[in-house]
């Protein structure tokens, strides 16, 4: 998923294809782990955002773009407490 975020191709279909699974198989595997695609996407974005903020001098706008947020405000809402 980390490879696909900057490309903008990070839907469940894109990830399943990259892994060599069908969408249904990926959903079953995630379900068996008591998670969902959206939860994994959010978690990946959070880990990457923290890493970028702590270890780079990138702007928050650049980070939002790399994480696949269409709008900067969406990035801010996702990480506001």
PDB file of N, CA and C in Angstrom:
ATOM      1  N   UNK A   1       0.824  -1.182   0.000  1.00  0.00           N
ATOM      2  CA  UNK A   1       0.000   0.000   0.000  1.00  0.00           C
ATOM      3  C   UNK A   1       0.875   1.255   0.000  1.00  0.00           C
ATOM      4  N   UNK A   2       1.996   1.192   0.682  1.00  0.00           N
ATOM      5  CA  UNK A   2       2.861   2.366   0.747  1.00  0.00           C
ATOM      6  C   UNK A   2       3.388   2.742  -0.635  1.00  0.00           C
ATOM      7  N   UNK A   3       3.563   1.766  -1.496  1.00  0.00           N
ATOM      8  CA  UNK A   3       4.028   2.051  -2.853  1.00  0.00           C
ATOM      9  C   UNK A   3       2.939   2.704  -3.697  1.00  0.00           C
ATOM     10  N   UNK A   4       1.691   2.363  -3.412  1.00  0.00           N
ATOM     11  CA  UNK A   4       0.588   2.815  -4.243  1.00  0.00           C
ATOM     12  C   UNK A   4       0.048   4.185  -3.858  1.00  0.00           C
ATOM     13  N   UNK A   5       0.220   4.599  -2.619  1.00  0.00           N
ATOM     14  CA  UNK A   5      -0.346   5.881  -2.173  1.00  0.00           C
ATOM     15  C   UNK A   5       0.096   7.070  -3.022  1.00  0.00           C
ATOM     16  N   UNK A   6       1.384   7.264  -3.249  1.00  0.00           N
ATOM     17  CA  UNK A   6       1.783   8.438  -4.040  1.00  0.00           C
ATOM     18  C   UNK A   6       1.272   8.421  -5.481  1.00  0.00           C
ATOM     19  N   UNK A   7       1.007   7.233  -5.999  1.00  0.00           N
ATOM     20  CA  UNK A   7       0.537   7.145  -7.382  1.00  0.00           C
ATOM     21  C   UNK A   7      -0.940   7.478  -7.510  1.00  0.00           C
ATOM     22  N   UNK A   8      -1.645   7.490  -6.383  1.00  0.00           N
ATOM     23  CA  UNK A   8      -3.079   7.750  -6.423  1.00  0.00           C
ATOM     24  C   UNK A   8      -3.891   6.516  -6.739  1.00  0.00           C
ATOM     25  N   UNK A   9      -3.221   5.380  -6.870  1.00  0.00           N
ATOM     26  CA  UNK A   9      -3.904   4.127  -7.199  1.00  0.00           C
ATOM     27  C   UNK A   9      -3.853   3.207  -5.984  1.00  0.00           C
ATOM     28  N   UNK A  10      -4.716   3.506  -5.007  1.00  0.00           N
ATOM     29  CA  UNK A  10      -4.676   2.749  -3.765  1.00  0.00           C
ATOM     30  C   UNK A  10      -6.059   2.273  -3.333  1.00  0.00           C
ATOM     31  N   UNK A  11      -6.912   2.005  -4.314  1.00  0.00           N
ATOM     32  CA  UNK A  11      -8.211   1.430  -3.980  1.00  0.00           C
ATOM     33  C   UNK A  11      -8.016  -0.030  -3.618  1.00  0.00           C
ATOM     34  N   UNK A  12      -9.042  -0.644  -3.080  1.00  0.00           N
ATOM     35  CA  UNK A  12      -8.943  -2.058  -2.731  1.00  0.00           C
ATOM     36  C   UNK A  12      -8.661  -2.889  -3.983  1.00  0.00           C
ATOM     37  N   UNK A  13      -9.221  -2.486  -5.105  1.00  0.00           N
ATOM     38  CA  UNK A  13      -8.959  -3.205  -6.361  1.00  0.00           C
ATOM     39  C   UNK A  13      -7.493  -3.101  -6.754  1.00  0.00           C
ATOM     40  N   UNK A  14      -6.911  -1.902  -6.595  1.00  0.00           N
ATOM     41  CA  UNK A  14      -5.507  -1.693  -6.933  1.00  0.00           C
ATOM     42  C   UNK A  14      -4.594  -2.533  -6.040  1.00  0.00           C
ATOM     43  N   UNK A  15      -4.889  -2.532  -4.747  1.00  0.00           N
ATOM     44  CA  UNK A  15      -4.064  -3.278  -3.796  1.00  0.00           C
ATOM     45  C   UNK A  15      -4.198  -4.778  -4.031  1.00  0.00           C
ATOM     46  N   UNK A  16      -5.416  -5.248  -4.254  1.00  0.00           N
ATOM     47  CA  UNK A  16      -5.628  -6.673  -4.522  1.00  0.00           C
ATOM     48  C   UNK A  16      -4.847  -7.112  -5.763  1.00  0.00           C
ATOM     49  N   UNK A  17      -4.917  -6.302  -6.794  1.00  0.00           N
ATOM     50  CA  UNK A  17      -4.195  -6.627  -8.032  1.00  0.00           C
ATOM     51  C   UNK A  17      -2.693  -6.681  -7.777  1.00  0.00           C
ATOM     52  N   UNK A  18      -2.168  -5.710  -7.048  1.00  0.00           N
ATOM     53  CA  UNK A  18      -0.735  -5.669  -6.742  1.00  0.00           C
ATOM     54  C   UNK A  18      -0.299  -6.912  -5.962  1.00  0.00           C
ATOM     55  N   UNK A  19      -1.193  -7.400  -5.088  1.00  0.00           N
ATOM     56  CA  UNK A  19      -0.888  -8.587  -4.277  1.00  0.00           C
ATOM     57  C   UNK A  19      -1.183  -9.898  -5.013  1.00  0.00           C
ATOM     58  N   UNK A  20      -1.843  -9.804  -6.151  1.00  0.00           N
ATOM     59  CA  UNK A  20      -2.182 -11.005  -6.910  1.00  0.00           C
ATOM     60  C   UNK A  20      -3.437 -11.699  -6.407  1.00  0.00           C
ATOM     61  N   UNK A  21      -4.314 -10.942  -5.741  1.00  0.00           N
ATOM     62  CA  UNK A  21      -5.579 -11.477  -5.223  1.00  0.00           C
ATOM     63  C   UNK A  21      -6.737 -10.841  -5.961  1.00  0.00           C
ATOM     64  N   UNK A  22      -7.886 -11.488  -5.847  1.00  0.00           N
ATOM     65  CA  UNK A  22      -9.114 -10.819  -6.258  1.00  0.00           C
ATOM     66  C   UNK A  22      -9.539  -9.912  -5.115  1.00  0.00           C
ATOM     67  N   UNK A  23     -10.413  -8.986  -5.416  1.00  0.00           N
ATOM     68  CA  UNK A  23     -10.928  -8.089  -4.380  1.00  0.00           C
ATOM     69  C   UNK A  23     -11.602  -8.895  -3.265  1.00  0.00           C
ATOM     70  N   UNK A  24     -12.370  -9.887  -3.645  1.00  0.00           N
ATOM     71  CA  UNK A  24     -13.084 -10.705  -2.671  1.00  0.00           C
ATOM     72  C   UNK A  24     -12.123 -11.481  -1.771  1.00  0.00           C
ATOM     73  N   UNK A  25     -11.060 -12.011  -2.345  1.00  0.00           N
ATOM     74  CA  UNK A  25     -10.075 -12.748  -1.550  1.00  0.00           C
ATOM     75  C   UNK A  25      -9.391 -11.823  -0.556  1.00  0.00           C
ATOM     76  N   UNK A  26      -9.029 -10.643  -0.997  1.00  0.00           N
ATOM     77  CA  UNK A  26      -8.405  -9.684  -0.090  1.00  0.00           C
ATOM     78  C   UNK A  26      -9.364  -9.317   1.042  1.00  0.00           C
ATOM     79  N   UNK A  27     -10.619  -9.078   0.709  1.00  0.00           N
ATOM     80  CA  UNK A  27     -11.598  -8.745   1.744  1.00  0.00           C
ATOM     81  C   UNK A  27     -11.753  -9.894   2.744  1.00  0.00           C
ATOM     82  N   UNK A  28     -11.760 -11.125   2.261  1.00  0.00           N
ATOM     83  CA  UNK A  28     -11.858 -12.295   3.161  1.00  0.00           C
ATOM     84  C   UNK A  28     -10.651 -12.380   4.073  1.00  0.00           C
ATOM     85  N   UNK A  29      -9.458 -12.176   3.514  1.00  0.00           N
ATOM     86  CA  UNK A  29      -8.234 -12.236   4.324  1.00  0.00           C
ATOM     87  C   UNK A  29      -8.228 -11.149   5.389  1.00  0.00           C
ATOM     88  N   UNK A  30      -8.630  -9.957   5.020  1.00  0.00           N
ATOM     89  CA  UNK A  30      -8.684  -8.862   5.988  1.00  0.00           C
ATOM     90  C   UNK A  30      -9.733  -9.154   7.066  1.00  0.00           C
ATOM     91  N   UNK A  31     -10.865  -9.673   6.642  1.00  0.00           N
ATOM     92  CA  UNK A  31     -11.931 -10.012   7.587  1.00  0.00           C
ATOM     93  C   UNK A  31     -11.472 -11.079   8.578  1.00  0.00           C
ATOM     94  N   UNK A  32     -10.700 -12.039   8.106  1.00  0.00           N
ATOM     95  CA  UNK A  32     -10.206 -13.091   8.996  1.00  0.00           C
ATOM     96  C   UNK A  32      -9.227 -12.541  10.032  1.00  0.00           C
ATOM     97  N   UNK A  33      -8.672 -11.363   9.749  1.00  0.00           N
ATOM     98  CA  UNK A  33      -7.771 -10.682  10.685  1.00  0.00           C
ATOM     99  C   UNK A  33      -8.512  -9.596  11.482  1.00  0.00           C
ATOM    100  N   UNK A  34      -9.847  -9.622  11.383  1.00  0.00           N
ATOM    101  CA  UNK A  34     -10.698  -8.650  12.083  1.00  0.00           C
ATOM    102  C   UNK A  34     -10.354  -7.202  11.733  1.00  0.00           C
ATOM    103  N   UNK A  35     -10.141  -6.971  10.457  1.00  0.00           N
ATOM    104  CA  UNK A  35      -9.856  -5.610   9.996  1.00  0.00           C
ATOM    105  C   UNK A  35     -10.532  -5.395   8.655  1.00  0.00           C
ATOM    106  N   UNK A  36     -10.416  -4.190   8.155  1.00  0.00           N
ATOM    107  CA  UNK A  36     -10.977  -3.843   6.855  1.00  0.00           C
ATOM    108  C   UNK A  36      -9.915  -3.112   6.044  1.00  0.00           C
ATOM    109  N   UNK A  37     -10.194  -2.975   4.780  1.00  0.00           N
ATOM    110  CA  UNK A  37      -9.281  -2.245   3.917  1.00  0.00           C
ATOM    111  C   UNK A  37      -9.147  -0.801   4.398  1.00  0.00           C
ATOM    112  N   UNK A  38     -10.269  -0.172   4.746  1.00  0.00           N
ATOM    113  CA  UNK A  38     -10.238   1.227   5.179  1.00  0.00           C
ATOM    114  C   UNK A  38      -9.418   1.391   6.455  1.00  0.00           C
ATOM    115  N   UNK A  39      -9.534   0.466   7.388  1.00  0.00           N
ATOM    116  CA  UNK A  39      -8.736   0.531   8.612  1.00  0.00           C
ATOM    117  C   UNK A  39      -7.248   0.420   8.295  1.00  0.00           C
ATOM    118  N   UNK A  40      -6.901  -0.464   7.395  1.00  0.00           N
ATOM    119  CA  UNK A  40      -5.500  -0.636   7.019  1.00  0.00           C
ATOM    120  C   UNK A  40      -4.967   0.588   6.271  1.00  0.00           C
ATOM    121  N   UNK A  41      -5.795   1.156   5.422  1.00  0.00           N
ATOM    122  CA  UNK A  41      -5.407   2.369   4.700  1.00  0.00           C
ATOM    123  C   UNK A  41      -5.157   3.503   5.693  1.00  0.00           C
ATOM    124  N   UNK A  42      -6.080   3.694   6.626  1.00  0.00           N
ATOM    125  CA  UNK A  42      -5.922   4.753   7.625  1.00  0.00           C
ATOM    126  C   UNK A  42      -4.678   4.540   8.478  1.00  0.00           C
ATOM    127  N   UNK A  43      -4.441   3.310   8.863  1.00  0.00           N
ATOM    128  CA  UNK A  43      -3.272   2.990   9.679  1.00  0.00           C
ATOM    129  C   UNK A  43      -1.977   3.257   8.914  1.00  0.00           C
ATOM    130  N   UNK A  44      -1.935   2.850   7.672  1.00  0.00           N
ATOM    131  CA  UNK A  44      -0.753   3.082   6.836  1.00  0.00           C
ATOM    132  C   UNK A  44      -0.495   4.576   6.672  1.00  0.00           C
ATOM    133  N   UNK A  45      -1.548   5.317   6.407  1.00  0.00           N
ATOM    134  CA  UNK A  45      -1.406   6.766   6.262  1.00  0.00           C
ATOM    135  C   UNK A  45      -0.881   7.397   7.555  1.00  0.00           C
ATOM    136  N   UNK A  46      -1.387   6.938   8.687  1.00  0.00           N
ATOM    137  CA  UNK A  46      -0.954   7.497   9.974  1.00  0.00           C
ATOM    138  C   UNK A  46       0.526   7.231  10.223  1.00  0.00           C
ATOM    139  N   UNK A  47       0.953   6.001  10.007  1.00  0.00           N
ATOM    140  CA  UNK A  47       2.362   5.641  10.219  1.00  0.00           C
ATOM    141  C   UNK A  47       3.266   6.461   9.297  1.00  0.00           C
ATOM    142  N   UNK A  48       2.887   6.549   8.031  1.00  0.00           N
ATOM    143  CA  UNK A  48       3.698   7.304   7.072  1.00  0.00           C
ATOM    144  C   UNK A  48       3.710   8.795   7.392  1.00  0.00           C
ATOM    145  N   UNK A  49       2.568   9.345   7.782  1.00  0.00           N
ATOM    146  CA  UNK A  49       2.508  10.770   8.117  1.00  0.00           C
ATOM    147  C   UNK A  49       3.440  11.084   9.280  1.00  0.00           C
ATOM    148  N   UNK A  50       3.389  10.269  10.323  1.00  0.00           N
ATOM    149  CA  UNK A  50       4.267  10.494  11.472  1.00  0.00           C
ATOM    150  C   UNK A  50       5.730  10.388  11.072  1.00  0.00           C
ATOM    151  N   UNK A  51       6.040   9.416  10.251  1.00  0.00           N
ATOM    152  CA  UNK A  51       7.416   9.247   9.791  1.00  0.00           C
ATOM    153  C   UNK A  51       7.878  10.468   8.991  1.00  0.00           C
ATOM    154  N   UNK A  52       7.054  10.909   8.059  1.00  0.00           N
ATOM    155  CA  UNK A  52       7.418  12.071   7.246  1.00  0.00           C
ATOM    156  C   UNK A  52       7.584  13.317   8.105  1.00  0.00           C
ATOM    157  N   UNK A  53       6.681  13.511   9.060  1.00  0.00           N
ATOM    158  CA  UNK A  53       6.737  14.701   9.916  1.00  0.00           C
ATOM    159  C   UNK A  53       7.979  14.700  10.808  1.00  0.00           C
ATOM    160  N   UNK A  54       8.358  13.531  11.297  1.00  0.00           N
ATOM    161  CA  UNK A  54       9.486  13.436  12.220  1.00  0.00           C
ATOM    162  C   UNK A  54      10.838  13.360  11.526  1.00  0.00           C
ATOM    163  N   UNK A  55      10.870  12.823  10.326  1.00  0.00           N
ATOM    164  CA  UNK A  55      12.162  12.501   9.711  1.00  0.00           C
ATOM    165  C   UNK A  55      12.462  13.223   8.404  1.00  0.00           C
ATOM    166  N   UNK A  56      11.588  14.136   8.005  1.00  0.00           N
ATOM    167  CA  UNK A  56      11.860  14.879   6.772  1.00  0.00           C
ATOM    168  C   UNK A  56      11.551  16.355   7.015  1.00  0.00           C
ATOM    169  N   UNK A  57      11.913  17.162   6.063  1.00  0.00           N
ATOM    170  CA  UNK A  57      11.560  18.576   6.143  1.00  0.00           C
ATOM    171  C   UNK A  57      10.458  18.919   5.135  1.00  0.00           C
ATOM    172  N   UNK A  58       9.694  17.892   4.746  1.00  0.00           N
ATOM    173  CA  UNK A  58       8.592  18.107   3.803  1.00  0.00           C
ATOM    174  C   UNK A  58       7.495  18.929   4.463  1.00  0.00           C
ATOM    175  N   UNK A  59       6.808  19.704   3.645  1.00  0.00           N
ATOM    176  CA  UNK A  59       5.677  20.474   4.153  1.00  0.00           C
ATOM    177  C   UNK A  59       4.489  19.541   4.377  1.00  0.00           C
ATOM    178  N   UNK A  60       3.559  19.982   5.209  1.00  0.00           N
ATOM    179  CA  UNK A  60       2.367  19.165   5.442  1.00  0.00           C
ATOM    180  C   UNK A  60       1.553  19.025   4.160  1.00  0.00           C
ATOM    181  N   UNK A  61       1.593  20.007   3.304  1.00  0.00           N
ATOM    182  CA  UNK A  61       0.891  19.902   2.012  1.00  0.00           C
ATOM    183  C   UNK A  61       1.502  18.804   1.152  1.00  0.00           C
ATOM    184  N   UNK A  62       2.826  18.724   1.135  1.00  0.00           N
ATOM    185  CA  UNK A  62       3.498  17.668   0.374  1.00  0.00           C
ATOM    186  C   UNK A  62       3.185  16.292   0.951  1.00  0.00           C
ATOM    187  N   UNK A  63       3.165  16.205   2.266  1.00  0.00           N
ATOM    188  CA  UNK A  63       2.850  14.939   2.927  1.00  0.00           C
ATOM    189  C   UNK A  63       1.424  14.520   2.591  1.00  0.00           C
ATOM    190  N   UNK A  64       0.497  15.452   2.668  1.00  0.00           N
ATOM    191  CA  UNK A  64      -0.900  15.150   2.333  1.00  0.00           C
ATOM    192  C   UNK A  64      -1.005  14.609   0.911  1.00  0.00           C
ATOM    193  N   UNK A  65      -0.289  15.228  -0.008  1.00  0.00           N
ATOM    194  CA  UNK A  65      -0.303  14.779  -1.401  1.00  0.00           C
ATOM    195  C   UNK A  65       0.262  13.362  -1.521  1.00  0.00           C
ATOM    196  N   UNK A  66       1.398  13.105  -0.885  1.00  0.00           N
ATOM    197  CA  UNK A  66       2.017  11.776  -0.953  1.00  0.00           C
ATOM    198  C   UNK A  66       1.131  10.686  -0.361  1.00  0.00           C
ATOM    199  N   UNK A  67       0.309  11.055   0.607  1.00  0.00           N
ATOM    200  CA  UNK A  67      -0.559  10.077   1.248  1.00  0.00           C
ATOM    201  C   UNK A  67      -1.887   9.917   0.533  1.00  0.00           C
ATOM    202  N   UNK A  68      -2.041  10.616  -0.583  1.00  0.00           N
ATOM    203  CA  UNK A  68      -3.222  10.425  -1.419  1.00  0.00           C
ATOM    204  C   UNK A  68      -4.442  11.225  -1.030  1.00  0.00           C
ATOM    205  N   UNK A  69      -4.261  12.268  -0.224  1.00  0.00           N
ATOM    206  CA  UNK A  69      -5.402  13.109   0.122  1.00  0.00           C
ATOM    207  C   UNK A  69      -5.672  14.081  -1.020  1.00  0.00           C
ATOM    208  N   UNK A  70      -6.926  14.147  -1.418  1.00  0.00           N
ATOM    209  CA  UNK A  70      -7.319  15.043  -2.509  1.00  0.00           C
ATOM    210  C   UNK A  70      -7.208  16.498  -2.083  1.00  0.00           C
ATOM    211  N   UNK A  71      -7.515  16.759  -0.823  1.00  0.00           N
ATOM    212  CA  UNK A  71      -7.481  18.124  -0.312  1.00  0.00           C
ATOM    213  C   UNK A  71      -6.696  18.165   0.989  1.00  0.00           C
ATOM    214  N   UNK A  72      -5.982  19.240   1.203  1.00  0.00           N
ATOM    215  CA  UNK A  72      -5.184  19.410   2.404  1.00  0.00           C
ATOM    216  C   UNK A  72      -6.064  19.358   3.653  1.00  0.00           C
ATOM    217  N   UNK A  73      -7.270  19.938   3.575  1.00  0.00           N
ATOM    218  CA  UNK A  73      -8.160  19.923   4.740  1.00  0.00           C
ATOM    219  C   UNK A  73      -8.575  18.510   5.131  1.00  0.00           C
ATOM    220  N   UNK A  74      -8.676  17.610   4.172  1.00  0.00           N
ATOM    221  CA  UNK A  74      -8.990  16.219   4.483  1.00  0.00           C
ATOM    222  C   UNK A  74      -7.861  15.581   5.301  1.00  0.00           C
ATOM    223  N   UNK A  75      -6.643  15.925   4.946  1.00  0.00           N
ATOM    224  CA  UNK A  75      -5.480  15.447   5.701  1.00  0.00           C
ATOM    225  C   UNK A  75      -5.532  15.988   7.126  1.00  0.00           C
ATOM    226  N   UNK A  76      -5.802  17.262   7.269  1.00  0.00           N
ATOM    227  CA  UNK A  76      -5.872  17.857   8.602  1.00  0.00           C
ATOM    228  C   UNK A  76      -6.967  17.232   9.450  1.00  0.00           C
ATOM    229  N   UNK A  77      -8.143  17.005   8.866  1.00  0.00           N
ATOM    230  CA  UNK A  77      -9.244  16.378   9.605  1.00  0.00           C
ATOM    231  C   UNK A  77      -8.885  14.953  10.027  1.00  0.00           C
ATOM    232  N   UNK A  78      -8.179  14.245   9.178  1.00  0.00           N
ATOM    233  CA  UNK A  78      -7.832  12.855   9.488  1.00  0.00           C
ATOM    234  C   UNK A  78      -6.889  12.763  10.687  1.00  0.00           C
ATOM    235  N   UNK A  79      -6.085  13.785  10.893  1.00  0.00           N
ATOM    236  CA  UNK A  79      -5.083  13.720  11.955  1.00  0.00           C
ATOM    237  C   UNK A  79      -5.310  14.705  13.089  1.00  0.00           C
ATOM    238  N   UNK A  80      -6.464  15.353  13.102  1.00  0.00           N
ATOM    239  CA  UNK A  80      -6.753  16.242  14.227  1.00  0.00           C
ATOM    240  C   UNK A  80      -7.317  15.426  15.375  1.00  0.00           C
ATOM    241  N   UNK A  81      -7.009  15.887  16.568  1.00  0.00           N
ATOM    242  CA  UNK A  81      -7.449  15.149  17.767  1.00  0.00           C
ATOM    243  C   UNK A  81      -8.708  15.771  18.314  1.00  0.00           C
TER     244      UNK A  81
END
